[in-house]
Amino acid sequence: TFKMDGGTQIADYNSHKLNYLATRGSSSTNEGQNITHNSNAIIGIPKEITLKDHIQVVGEGIMYKSKLEEINSKLQEDEKYANTRNLANATSSMLDSKIVAERDIRFVAFGALEIDGFFETKMEELEYLKYRGFEVVPHVLVTKDNLEQEVEKMTKLRPTLNYDIDGLVLAHNDLKYGLSLGKTSHHFKNAIAYKFEDDEVETTLTDITVDIGKSGQVSYVGEFETVEL
């Protein structure tokens, strides 16, 4: 799947209805910021789904590049926002739902929690979420025979997209097997992130200043012409 560059959100449903919408918290408690008050303002969050069981749908809150350009076009140069990721994250947690709605934040689902054994494969999980009304992350099933070809193909799509991605996620299709691999303190071992190379641009070193700390240690600070990354 694409590794969407936004902010992870969790939509919790029980007995058909949306209980709450929250940002992702720490890996130990999974308690993030409650943003249920913006569930109507964020595109792609159904208020009800035709599923009685408890399910948590995990997705990414993103903003289109074209929307960022529209917002920045109305601002002074020193007021412009740097990227869609930061603005999408900040906007999703705002108290004023009217502003959230105006900025077209979108929820794109990439997984489900609290529904053990309901799905056998990742592809089945994503197709189910799509069937229930969610926009799901673009994905493709790969094997050892077509893995490199598909990674190259999806990587080449990056410049054509109207949203930012910072890599790809490669996950086991067999969910039970993937979970059997366990997890670290940071992430489950059933998937890995294929990160794109960092952007590289040229700039000019304009000055080197010297800073002397309280202990007398000398630090040198380079000053460069500002560039966008």
Protein backbone atom coordinates (compact mmCIF):
# COMPACT_ATOMS: atom_id res chain seq x y z
CA THR A 1 0.00 0.00 0.00
CA PHE A 2 0.95 3.66 -0.22
CA LYS A 3 2.38 5.07 3.02
CA MET A 4 0.13 8.11 3.25
CA ASP A 5 1.80 11.23 4.66
CA GLY A 6 -0.73 12.64 7.10
CA GLY A 7 -1.86 11.85 10.63
CA THR A 8 -3.19 8.48 11.78
CA GLN A 9 -6.77 8.46 13.09
CA ILE A 10 -8.93 5.73 14.63
CA ALA A 11 -12.70 5.55 14.11
CA ASP A 12 -14.39 3.35 16.73
CA TYR A 13 -17.76 1.74 15.92
CA ASN A 14 -20.10 -0.41 17.99
CA SER A 15 -23.68 -1.55 17.27
CA HIS A 16 -23.59 0.20 13.90
CA LYS A 17 -22.77 3.66 15.27
CA LEU A 18 -19.62 5.77 15.52
CA ASN A 19 -18.49 5.91 19.17
CA TYR A 20 -15.55 8.22 18.77
CA LEU A 21 -12.83 9.45 16.45
CA ALA A 22 -9.32 9.93 17.84
CA THR A 23 -5.78 10.60 16.76
CA ARG A 24 -3.23 7.86 17.32
CA GLY A 25 -1.64 7.92 20.77
CA SER A 26 1.35 6.12 22.24
CA SER A 27 2.02 2.52 21.31
CA SER A 28 1.46 1.40 24.91
CA THR A 29 -1.97 2.94 25.57
CA ASN A 30 -3.17 3.83 22.07
CA GLU A 31 -4.84 6.87 23.65
CA GLY A 32 -4.73 9.87 21.39
CA GLN A 33 -6.67 13.10 21.22
CA ASN A 34 -10.44 12.78 20.95
CA ILE A 35 -11.57 14.58 17.78
CA THR A 36 -15.10 13.16 17.58
CA HIS A 37 -16.46 16.71 17.37
CA ASN A 38 -14.86 16.91 13.89
CA SER A 39 -16.22 13.58 12.60
CA ASN A 40 -18.85 15.36 10.49
CA ALA A 41 -16.28 17.79 9.12
CA ILE A 42 -13.71 15.18 8.03
CA ILE A 43 -14.53 13.58 4.69
CA GLY A 44 -14.91 9.79 4.71
CA ILE A 45 -16.09 9.10 8.29
CA PRO A 46 -19.48 7.30 8.13
CA LYS A 47 -21.72 8.01 11.13
CA GLU A 48 -23.15 4.50 10.87
CA ILE A 49 -22.05 1.22 9.31
CA THR A 50 -24.03 -1.97 8.79
CA LEU A 51 -21.98 -3.96 11.29
CA LYS A 52 -23.16 -4.73 14.81
CA ASP A 53 -19.80 -5.97 16.12
CA HIS A 54 -17.18 -3.68 17.63
CA ILE A 55 -14.60 -2.52 15.10
CA GLN A 56 -11.92 0.16 15.03
CA VAL A 57 -11.05 1.44 11.58
CA VAL A 58 -7.56 2.88 11.29
CA GLY A 59 -6.79 5.43 8.61
CA GLU A 60 -4.78 8.48 7.67
CA GLY A 61 -6.12 12.02 7.79
CA ILE A 62 -4.75 13.68 4.67
CA MET A 63 -5.10 16.89 2.69
CA TYR A 64 -4.85 17.20 -1.09
CA LYS A 65 -1.94 19.20 -2.48
CA SER A 66 -4.39 21.26 -4.53
CA LYS A 67 -6.22 22.28 -1.34
CA LEU A 68 -2.96 23.40 0.27
CA GLU A 69 -2.19 25.50 -2.80
CA GLU A 70 -5.67 27.04 -2.63
CA ILE A 71 -5.23 27.94 1.05
CA ASN A 72 -1.72 29.34 0.53
CA SER A 73 -2.85 31.43 -2.44
CA LYS A 74 -4.89 33.57 -0.03
CA LEU A 75 -2.04 34.12 2.46
CA GLN A 76 0.97 36.39 2.64
CA GLU A 77 4.32 34.78 1.85
CA ASP A 78 5.40 34.58 5.50
CA GLU A 79 2.02 33.05 6.48
CA LYS A 80 2.01 30.15 4.00
CA TYR A 81 1.88 26.57 5.26
CA ALA A 82 4.88 24.37 4.47
CA ASN A 83 3.21 21.03 3.71
CA THR A 84 -0.04 19.07 3.72
CA ARG A 85 0.99 16.75 6.56
CA ASN A 86 1.46 19.43 9.21
CA LEU A 87 -1.66 21.33 8.19
CA ALA A 88 -3.81 18.19 8.08
CA ASN A 89 -2.67 17.17 11.57
CA ALA A 90 -3.17 20.61 13.07
CA THR A 91 -6.56 21.06 11.40
CA SER A 92 -7.98 17.67 12.47
CA SER A 93 -7.57 18.62 16.14
CA MET A 94 -9.04 22.11 15.91
CA LEU A 95 -12.04 23.02 18.04
CA ASP A 96 -13.77 24.93 15.24
CA SER A 97 -15.37 22.26 13.01
CA LYS A 98 -16.31 24.89 10.44
CA ILE A 99 -12.65 25.54 9.65
CA VAL A 100 -11.97 21.79 9.53
CA ALA A 101 -14.74 21.34 6.98
CA GLU A 102 -13.40 24.19 4.84
CA ARG A 103 -9.98 22.54 4.63
CA ASP A 104 -11.23 19.22 3.20
CA ILE A 105 -9.43 16.79 5.49
CA ARG A 106 -9.98 13.24 4.23
CA PHE A 107 -9.95 9.91 6.10
CA VAL A 108 -8.35 7.08 4.09
CA ALA A 109 -8.62 3.68 5.78
CA PHE A 110 -5.74 1.20 5.83
CA GLY A 111 -6.73 -1.33 8.48
CA ALA A 112 -9.07 -2.60 11.17
CA LEU A 113 -8.59 -3.37 14.88
CA GLU A 114 -10.64 -5.05 17.61
CA ILE A 115 -12.15 -7.59 15.24
CA ASP A 116 -9.88 -10.63 15.63
CA GLY A 117 -10.52 -13.53 13.30
CA PHE A 118 -13.04 -11.64 11.18
CA PHE A 119 -10.67 -11.51 8.19
CA GLU A 120 -8.15 -14.05 6.95
CA THR A 121 -6.19 -11.77 4.62
CA LYS A 122 -5.20 -8.12 4.36
CA MET A 123 -6.78 -7.86 0.91
CA GLU A 124 -10.07 -9.15 2.32
CA GLU A 125 -9.85 -6.60 5.14
CA LEU A 126 -9.32 -3.66 2.78
CA GLU A 127 -12.06 -4.78 0.40
CA TYR A 128 -14.45 -5.14 3.35
CA LEU A 129 -13.72 -1.60 4.54
CA LYS A 130 -14.32 -0.34 1.00
CA TYR A 131 -17.63 -2.23 0.93
CA ARG A 132 -18.62 -0.56 4.23
CA GLY A 133 -18.21 2.88 2.69
CA PHE A 134 -14.64 3.84 3.51
CA GLU A 135 -12.11 5.17 1.05
CA VAL A 136 -9.20 2.75 1.33
CA VAL A 137 -5.52 3.21 0.65
CA PRO A 138 -4.39 2.15 -2.86
CA HIS A 139 -3.04 -1.38 -2.62
CA VAL A 140 -1.87 -4.32 -4.69
CA LEU A 141 -1.16 -7.98 -3.92
CA VAL A 142 2.46 -8.92 -4.56
CA THR A 143 4.48 -12.12 -4.53
CA LYS A 144 8.22 -12.76 -4.63
CA ASP A 145 7.92 -12.84 -8.43
CA ASN A 146 6.38 -9.37 -8.95
CA LEU A 147 7.44 -7.52 -5.77
CA GLU A 148 10.23 -5.41 -7.28
CA GLN A 149 8.17 -4.63 -10.39
CA GLU A 150 5.16 -3.45 -8.36
CA VAL A 151 7.30 -1.39 -5.94
CA GLU A 152 8.90 0.37 -8.91
CA LYS A 153 5.51 0.94 -10.54
CA MET A 154 3.95 2.41 -7.36
CA THR A 155 7.03 4.55 -6.70
CA LYS A 156 6.77 6.12 -10.17
CA LEU A 157 3.18 7.17 -9.39
CA ARG A 158 4.33 9.46 -6.57
CA PRO A 159 4.76 12.68 -8.65
CA THR A 160 1.31 12.23 -10.24
CA LEU A 161 -0.64 12.01 -6.97
CA ASN A 162 -2.70 14.84 -5.50
CA TYR A 163 -1.57 13.86 -1.99
CA ASP A 164 1.78 13.19 -0.35
CA ILE A 165 3.19 9.73 0.30
CA ASP A 166 6.58 9.15 1.91
CA GLY A 167 6.95 5.49 1.03
CA LEU A 168 5.19 2.15 0.71
CA VAL A 169 4.08 -0.39 3.31
CA LEU A 170 4.76 -4.07 2.64
CA ALA A 171 2.57 -6.30 4.83
CA HIS A 172 1.88 -10.03 5.01
CA ASN A 173 -1.42 -10.85 3.36
CA ASP A 174 -2.04 -13.72 5.82
CA LEU A 175 -3.20 -11.81 8.91
CA LYS A 176 -2.91 -14.70 11.37
CA TYR A 177 0.64 -15.44 10.29
CA GLY A 178 1.55 -11.76 10.42
CA LEU A 179 0.32 -11.38 14.00
CA SER A 180 2.23 -14.53 15.02
CA LEU A 181 5.46 -12.66 14.31
CA GLY A 182 4.85 -10.47 17.39
CA LYS A 183 5.82 -6.84 17.79
CA THR A 184 8.44 -4.49 19.13
CA SER A 185 7.76 -1.63 21.54
CA HIS A 186 7.13 0.53 18.46
CA HIS A 187 5.39 -1.58 15.82
CA PHE A 188 4.06 -4.99 14.79
CA LYS A 189 6.46 -7.17 12.81
CA ASN A 190 3.87 -8.16 10.21
CA ALA A 191 4.84 -5.24 7.96
CA ILE A 192 7.79 -3.08 6.97
CA ALA A 193 7.98 0.44 5.58
CA TYR A 194 9.77 1.03 2.29
CA LYS A 195 10.80 4.66 2.67
CA PHE A 196 11.63 6.83 -0.32
CA GLU A 197 15.02 8.48 -0.54
CA ASP A 198 15.30 11.91 1.06
CA ASP A 199 15.01 14.96 -1.19
CA GLU A 200 18.34 16.55 -2.07
CA VAL A 201 18.76 20.15 -3.23
CA GLU A 202 21.67 22.54 -3.48
CA THR A 203 22.03 25.67 -1.38
CA THR A 204 24.76 28.13 -0.40
CA LEU A 205 26.68 28.32 2.86
CA THR A 206 26.53 32.04 3.70
CA ASP A 207 28.23 32.20 7.09
CA ILE A 208 29.65 30.23 10.00
CA THR A 209 29.02 31.60 13.49
CA VAL A 210 30.71 30.57 16.72
CA ASP A 211 28.78 29.81 19.89
CA ILE A 212 30.57 29.38 23.24
CA GLY A 213 28.67 27.48 25.93
CA LYS A 214 28.85 27.89 29.70
CA SER A 215 31.51 25.18 29.94
CA GLY A 216 33.64 26.93 27.36
CA GLN A 217 32.86 24.41 24.63
CA VAL A 218 32.92 25.96 21.18
CA SER A 219 30.18 25.07 18.68
CA TYR A 220 30.17 26.12 15.04
CA VAL A 221 26.84 26.86 13.35
CA GLY A 222 26.51 26.97 9.59
CA GLU A 223 24.01 29.38 8.02
CA PHE A 224 22.54 28.53 4.64
CA GLU A 225 20.21 30.13 2.14
CA THR A 226 16.72 28.77 2.84
CA VAL A 227 15.46 26.01 0.56
CA GLU A 228 12.29 23.91 0.52
CA LEU A 229 12.53 20.17 1.22
